[in-house]
N, C-alpha and C. Protein backbone atom coordinates (compact mmCIF):
# COMPACT_ATOMS: atom_id res chain seq x y z
N MET A 1 104.47 -33.91 148.64
CA MET A 1 104.78 -32.53 148.77
C MET A 1 105.90 -32.21 147.78
N ASP A 2 105.64 -31.16 147.10
CA ASP A 2 106.66 -30.84 146.13
C ASP A 2 107.71 -29.91 146.75
N GLU A 3 108.67 -29.64 145.98
CA GLU A 3 109.83 -28.88 146.47
C GLU A 3 109.44 -27.47 146.90
N LYS A 4 108.55 -26.85 146.18
CA LYS A 4 108.12 -25.49 146.51
C LYS A 4 107.40 -25.49 147.83
N GLN A 5 106.54 -26.44 148.05
CA GLN A 5 105.80 -26.50 149.31
C GLN A 5 106.77 -26.76 150.46
N LEU A 6 107.75 -27.61 150.20
CA LEU A 6 108.74 -27.91 151.23
C LEU A 6 109.53 -26.66 151.60
N LEU A 7 109.93 -25.91 150.62
CA LEU A 7 110.66 -24.66 150.88
C LEU A 7 109.78 -23.66 151.62
N ASP A 8 108.52 -23.57 151.23
CA ASP A 8 107.60 -22.66 151.93
C ASP A 8 107.42 -23.09 153.38
N SER A 9 107.32 -24.39 153.60
CA SER A 9 107.17 -24.90 154.97
C SER A 9 108.41 -24.59 155.80
N ILE A 10 109.57 -24.80 155.21
CA ILE A 10 110.83 -24.51 155.92
C ILE A 10 110.93 -23.02 156.22
N GLN A 11 110.55 -22.24 155.24
CA GLN A 11 110.61 -20.79 155.42
C GLN A 11 109.67 -20.36 156.54
N THR A 12 108.47 -20.91 156.58
CA THR A 12 107.51 -20.59 157.63
C THR A 12 108.04 -21.03 158.99
N MET A 13 108.65 -22.20 159.05
CA MET A 13 109.21 -22.69 160.31
C MET A 13 110.34 -21.77 160.79
N ILE A 14 111.18 -21.38 159.88
CA ILE A 14 112.30 -20.49 160.24
C ILE A 14 111.76 -19.16 160.74
N LYS A 15 110.74 -18.63 160.03
CA LYS A 15 110.14 -17.36 160.47
C LYS A 15 109.58 -17.50 161.87
N ASN A 16 108.87 -18.62 162.11
CA ASN A 16 108.27 -18.83 163.44
C ASN A 16 109.34 -18.99 164.51
N GLU A 17 110.42 -19.67 164.19
CA GLU A 17 111.50 -19.89 165.15
C GLU A 17 112.31 -18.60 165.37
N MET A 18 112.41 -17.81 164.36
CA MET A 18 113.20 -16.58 164.44
C MET A 18 112.43 -15.42 165.07
N LYS A 19 111.11 -15.51 165.13
CA LYS A 19 110.31 -14.41 165.68
C LYS A 19 110.74 -14.05 167.10
N PRO A 20 110.89 -15.00 168.04
CA PRO A 20 111.34 -14.61 169.38
C PRO A 20 112.72 -13.97 169.36
N VAL A 21 113.60 -14.47 168.51
CA VAL A 21 114.95 -13.89 168.41
C VAL A 21 114.85 -12.46 167.87
N ASN A 22 114.03 -12.27 166.83
CA ASN A 22 113.86 -10.94 166.26
C ASN A 22 113.21 -9.99 167.27
N ASP A 23 112.21 -10.51 168.01
CA ASP A 23 111.57 -9.68 169.04
C ASP A 23 112.59 -9.26 170.10
N ARG A 24 113.41 -10.23 170.48
CA ARG A 24 114.42 -9.92 171.50
C ARG A 24 115.43 -8.91 170.95
N LEU A 25 115.84 -9.07 169.71
CA LEU A 25 116.75 -8.11 169.09
C LEU A 25 116.11 -6.72 169.02
N ASP A 26 114.83 -6.66 168.71
CA ASP A 26 114.12 -5.37 168.68
C ASP A 26 114.14 -4.72 170.06
N LYS A 27 113.89 -5.54 171.10
CA LYS A 27 113.91 -5.00 172.47
C LYS A 27 115.31 -4.51 172.85
N LEU A 28 116.32 -5.31 172.46
CA LEU A 28 117.70 -4.90 172.73
C LEU A 28 118.03 -3.60 172.01
N GLN A 29 117.59 -3.49 170.77
CA GLN A 29 117.83 -2.27 170.00
C GLN A 29 117.15 -1.08 170.66
N ALA A 30 115.91 -1.28 171.12
CA ALA A 30 115.18 -0.20 171.79
C ALA A 30 115.90 0.20 173.07
N GLY A 31 116.39 -0.80 173.83
CA GLY A 31 117.15 -0.52 175.05
C GLY A 31 118.44 0.22 174.74
N GLN A 32 119.10 -0.21 173.67
CA GLN A 32 120.34 0.45 173.28
C GLN A 32 120.06 1.90 172.87
N ASP A 33 118.99 2.12 172.13
CA ASP A 33 118.61 3.48 171.75
C ASP A 33 118.35 4.33 172.99
N LYS A 34 117.63 3.73 173.96
CA LYS A 34 117.33 4.45 175.20
C LYS A 34 118.62 4.79 175.94
N HIS A 35 119.54 3.83 176.01
CA HIS A 35 120.81 4.08 176.68
C HIS A 35 121.64 5.12 175.94
N SER A 36 121.59 5.10 174.62
CA SER A 36 122.31 6.10 173.84
C SER A 36 121.78 7.50 174.15
N ILE A 37 120.46 7.62 174.24
CA ILE A 37 119.85 8.91 174.57
C ILE A 37 120.27 9.34 175.97
N LEU A 38 120.23 8.38 176.92
CA LEU A 38 120.64 8.70 178.30
C LEU A 38 122.10 9.13 178.35
N LEU A 39 122.96 8.44 177.60
CA LEU A 39 124.38 8.82 177.56
C LEU A 39 124.57 10.21 176.96
N GLU A 40 123.82 10.51 175.91
CA GLU A 40 123.91 11.84 175.31
C GLU A 40 123.47 12.90 176.32
N ASN A 41 122.38 12.62 177.03
CA ASN A 41 121.90 13.57 178.05
C ASN A 41 122.92 13.73 179.17
N MET A 42 123.52 12.60 179.59
CA MET A 42 124.54 12.67 180.64
C MET A 42 125.74 13.46 180.16
N ASP A 43 126.11 13.27 178.90
CA ASP A 43 127.24 13.99 178.34
C ASP A 43 126.97 15.50 178.34
N LYS A 44 125.75 15.87 177.94
CA LYS A 44 125.37 17.29 177.94
C LYS A 44 125.41 17.85 179.36
N LYS A 45 124.85 17.07 180.30
CA LYS A 45 124.83 17.53 181.69
C LYS A 45 126.25 17.63 182.25
N LEU A 46 127.08 16.65 181.91
CA LEU A 46 128.47 16.67 182.37
C LEU A 46 129.20 17.88 181.80
N ASN A 47 128.98 18.18 180.54
CA ASN A 47 129.59 19.36 179.93
C ASN A 47 129.12 20.63 180.63
N THR A 48 127.83 20.68 180.97
CA THR A 48 127.29 21.84 181.68
C THR A 48 127.96 21.98 183.05
N VAL A 49 128.11 20.86 183.75
CA VAL A 49 128.76 20.88 185.07
C VAL A 49 130.21 21.33 184.94
N ILE A 50 130.91 20.81 183.93
CA ILE A 50 132.31 21.19 183.72
C ILE A 50 132.42 22.67 183.41
N GLU A 51 131.56 23.18 182.54
CA GLU A 51 131.57 24.61 182.21
C GLU A 51 131.29 25.45 183.45
N GLY A 52 130.32 25.00 184.24
CA GLY A 52 130.00 25.73 185.48
C GLY A 52 131.17 25.72 186.44
N GLN A 53 131.82 24.58 186.57
CA GLN A 53 132.97 24.48 187.48
C GLN A 53 134.11 25.36 186.99
N GLN A 54 134.35 25.37 185.69
CA GLN A 54 135.41 26.21 185.14
C GLN A 54 135.10 27.69 185.36
N ALA A 55 133.84 28.07 185.15
CA ALA A 55 133.44 29.46 185.37
C ALA A 55 133.60 29.81 186.85
N HIS A 56 133.20 28.89 187.72
CA HIS A 56 133.32 29.12 189.16
C HIS A 56 134.79 29.25 189.56
N SER A 57 135.63 28.40 188.97
CA SER A 57 137.06 28.44 189.26
C SER A 57 137.65 29.79 188.83
N LYS A 58 137.28 30.25 187.64
CA LYS A 58 137.78 31.54 187.16
C LYS A 58 137.29 32.67 188.05
N GLN A 59 136.03 32.59 188.46
CA GLN A 59 135.47 33.62 189.35
C GLN A 59 136.23 33.61 190.68
N ASN A 60 136.51 32.43 191.22
CA ASN A 60 137.27 32.34 192.47
C ASN A 60 138.65 32.95 192.31
N GLU A 61 139.30 32.68 191.18
CA GLU A 61 140.63 33.25 190.93
C GLU A 61 140.56 34.78 190.88
N ARG A 62 139.55 35.31 190.19
CA ARG A 62 139.41 36.77 190.10
C ARG A 62 139.16 37.37 191.48
N GLN A 63 138.27 36.74 192.25
CA GLN A 63 137.97 37.26 193.58
C GLN A 63 139.18 37.15 194.50
N PHE A 64 139.92 36.05 194.41
CA PHE A 64 141.12 35.90 195.23
C PHE A 64 142.12 36.99 194.88
N LYS A 65 142.32 37.22 193.57
CA LYS A 65 143.26 38.26 193.15
C LYS A 65 142.81 39.63 193.67
N LYS A 66 141.51 39.90 193.57
CA LYS A 66 140.98 41.18 194.03
C LYS A 66 141.21 41.34 195.54
N ILE A 67 140.90 40.29 196.30
CA ILE A 67 141.10 40.34 197.75
C ILE A 67 142.59 40.47 198.07
N ASN A 68 143.41 39.71 197.36
CA ASN A 68 144.85 39.76 197.59
C ASN A 68 145.40 41.16 197.29
N ASP A 69 144.95 41.75 196.18
CA ASP A 69 145.38 43.11 195.84
C ASP A 69 144.92 44.11 196.90
N THR A 70 143.69 43.93 197.38
CA THR A 70 143.18 44.82 198.43
C THR A 70 144.03 44.71 199.68
N PHE A 71 144.37 43.47 200.07
CA PHE A 71 145.21 43.28 201.26
C PHE A 71 146.58 43.90 201.05
N LYS A 72 147.14 43.73 199.86
CA LYS A 72 148.45 44.33 199.58
C LYS A 72 148.38 45.84 199.72
N ASP A 73 147.31 46.45 199.16
CA ASP A 73 147.15 47.89 199.26
C ASP A 73 147.00 48.32 200.71
N GLU A 74 146.19 47.57 201.47
CA GLU A 74 145.97 47.92 202.88
C GLU A 74 147.25 47.75 203.68
N ILE A 75 148.02 46.70 203.40
CA ILE A 75 149.29 46.49 204.10
C ILE A 75 150.25 47.62 203.77
N SER A 76 150.31 48.00 202.50
CA SER A 76 151.18 49.09 202.09
C SER A 76 150.77 50.39 202.78
N LEU A 77 149.47 50.64 202.82
CA LEU A 77 148.97 51.85 203.48
C LEU A 77 149.28 51.81 204.97
N THR A 78 149.10 50.65 205.59
CA THR A 78 149.38 50.51 207.02
C THR A 78 150.87 50.71 207.29
N GLN A 79 151.72 50.15 206.44
CA GLN A 79 153.16 50.33 206.61
C GLN A 79 153.54 51.80 206.48
N SER A 80 152.96 52.46 205.50
CA SER A 80 153.24 53.89 205.31
C SER A 80 152.78 54.70 206.52
N ALA A 81 151.58 54.40 207.00
CA ALA A 81 151.07 55.11 208.18
C ALA A 81 151.94 54.83 209.39
N LEU A 82 152.39 53.58 209.55
CA LEU A 82 153.24 53.22 210.68
C LEU A 82 154.57 53.96 210.62
N LYS A 83 155.14 54.08 209.42
CA LYS A 83 156.39 54.82 209.27
C LYS A 83 156.19 56.28 209.65
N THR A 84 155.07 56.86 209.19
CA THR A 84 154.78 58.26 209.51
C THR A 84 154.59 58.44 211.01
N VAL A 85 153.81 57.56 211.62
CA VAL A 85 153.56 57.65 213.07
C VAL A 85 154.86 57.46 213.83
N SER A 86 155.70 56.53 213.38
CA SER A 86 156.98 56.27 214.03
C SER A 86 157.87 57.51 213.96
N LYS A 87 157.92 58.15 212.79
CA LYS A 87 158.72 59.37 212.64
C LYS A 87 158.15 60.47 213.53
N ASP A 88 156.81 60.62 213.51
CA ASP A 88 156.18 61.63 214.37
C ASP A 88 156.49 61.36 215.83
N LEU A 89 156.47 60.11 216.24
CA LEU A 89 156.75 59.76 217.63
C LEU A 89 158.20 60.09 217.98
N ARG A 90 159.13 59.81 217.07
CA ARG A 90 160.54 60.18 217.31
C ARG A 90 160.66 61.69 217.45
N ASP A 91 159.96 62.44 216.58
CA ASP A 91 160.00 63.90 216.67
C ASP A 91 159.43 64.38 218.00
N ILE A 92 158.34 63.76 218.45
CA ILE A 92 157.72 64.14 219.73
C ILE A 92 158.68 63.85 220.88
N ILE A 93 159.31 62.67 220.85
CA ILE A 93 160.26 62.32 221.92
C ILE A 93 161.42 63.30 221.93
N GLU A 94 161.92 63.65 220.75
CA GLU A 94 163.02 64.62 220.67
C GLU A 94 162.58 65.97 221.23
N THR A 95 161.36 66.38 220.88
CA THR A 95 160.84 67.66 221.39
C THR A 95 160.68 67.60 222.90
N ILE A 96 160.19 66.48 223.42
CA ILE A 96 160.04 66.32 224.88
C ILE A 96 161.40 66.42 225.56
N ASN A 97 162.42 65.78 224.98
CA ASN A 97 163.77 65.85 225.56
C ASN A 97 164.29 67.29 225.57
N ILE A 98 164.05 68.01 224.48
CA ILE A 98 164.48 69.42 224.42
C ILE A 98 163.74 70.23 225.49
N ILE A 99 162.43 70.00 225.60
CA ILE A 99 161.63 70.73 226.59
C ILE A 99 162.10 70.38 228.00
N GLU A 100 162.41 69.11 228.25
CA GLU A 100 162.90 68.72 229.58
C GLU A 100 164.21 69.41 229.89
N ASP A 101 165.12 69.49 228.90
CA ASP A 101 166.39 70.20 229.11
C ASP A 101 166.15 71.67 229.42
N LYS A 102 165.24 72.29 228.65
CA LYS A 102 164.93 73.71 228.88
C LYS A 102 164.25 73.89 230.23
N LEU A 103 163.40 72.90 230.61
CA LEU A 103 162.72 72.98 231.90
C LEU A 103 163.73 72.93 233.04
N LYS A 104 164.78 72.11 232.87
CA LYS A 104 165.85 72.08 233.88
C LYS A 104 166.51 73.45 233.99
N ASP A 105 166.77 74.06 232.81
CA ASP A 105 167.38 75.39 232.81
C ASP A 105 166.45 76.40 233.48
N VAL A 106 165.14 76.31 233.15
CA VAL A 106 164.17 77.23 233.74
C VAL A 106 164.08 77.01 235.24
N LYS A 107 164.07 75.74 235.67
CA LYS A 107 164.01 75.45 237.11
C LYS A 107 165.24 76.01 237.81
N GLY A 108 166.39 75.82 237.16
CA GLY A 108 167.64 76.36 237.73
C GLY A 108 167.57 77.87 237.83
N ALA A 109 167.11 78.51 236.75
CA ALA A 109 167.01 79.97 236.74
C ALA A 109 165.98 80.43 237.75
N THR A 110 164.87 79.71 237.85
CA THR A 110 163.82 80.07 238.81
C THR A 110 164.34 79.93 240.23
N ALA A 111 165.07 78.86 240.47
CA ALA A 111 165.64 78.67 241.81
C ALA A 111 166.62 79.79 242.12
N GLN A 112 167.45 80.13 241.13
CA GLN A 112 168.41 81.23 241.33
C GLN A 112 167.67 82.54 241.56
N ASN A 113 166.62 82.79 240.76
CA ASN A 113 165.85 84.02 240.93
C ASN A 113 165.17 84.05 242.29
N SER A 114 164.62 82.91 242.71
CA SER A 114 163.99 82.86 244.04
C SER A 114 165.01 83.15 245.12
N PHE A 115 166.20 82.58 244.95
CA PHE A 115 167.25 82.84 245.93
C PHE A 115 167.63 84.32 245.93
N ASP A 116 167.80 84.90 244.72
CA ASP A 116 168.15 86.32 244.62
C ASP A 116 167.05 87.20 245.23
N VAL A 117 165.79 86.86 244.98
CA VAL A 117 164.68 87.63 245.55
C VAL A 117 164.72 87.53 247.07
N GLN A 118 165.00 86.35 247.57
CA GLN A 118 165.05 86.17 249.02
C GLN A 118 166.20 86.99 249.61
N VAL A 119 167.34 87.00 248.92
CA VAL A 119 168.49 87.79 249.39
C VAL A 119 168.11 89.25 249.40
N LEU A 120 167.43 89.71 248.33
CA LEU A 120 167.03 91.11 248.26
C LEU A 120 166.02 91.45 249.34
N ARG A 121 165.12 90.56 249.64
CA ARG A 121 164.14 90.79 250.70
C ARG A 121 164.84 90.91 252.05
N ASN A 122 165.77 89.98 252.24
CA ASN A 122 166.50 90.03 253.51
C ASN A 122 167.27 91.33 253.63
N ARG A 123 167.89 91.81 252.58
CA ARG A 123 168.63 93.07 252.61
C ARG A 123 167.68 94.24 252.85
N TYR A 124 166.52 94.14 252.21
CA TYR A 124 165.56 95.23 252.34
C TYR A 124 165.05 95.32 253.78
N LYS A 125 164.82 94.15 254.39
CA LYS A 125 164.36 94.13 255.77
C LYS A 125 165.45 94.64 256.68
N GLU A 126 166.68 94.35 256.41
CA GLU A 126 167.79 94.76 257.25
C GLU A 126 168.06 96.24 257.06
N GLY A 127 167.81 96.69 255.94
CA GLY A 127 168.22 98.04 255.65
C GLY A 127 167.20 99.04 255.87
């Protein structure tokens, strides 16, 4: 066997021995490609989830602010109404006290008038 044939034989042997290794490397490369695609898809989905969560968070903040502002307005309105009702109630109580004082005067005058009428009746009957 000459040198060329020997080299060809060695080359053929190496090719035959390397074929399973090359096949395995091809499978690993295909698996790696598949995993790379899966990772890219997961990254896209994760970004979508993050964007959705951020949008939801901003929406929650806006709604909370709106509700909080509404409550503040309602509390302010309620406080204003309560102050008005409280003042009106004080005015009513003051008016009732004035009326009660005048009623006492009227009762006193009515009692005096009734007494005077009775005195006049008695005089009229006597006379």
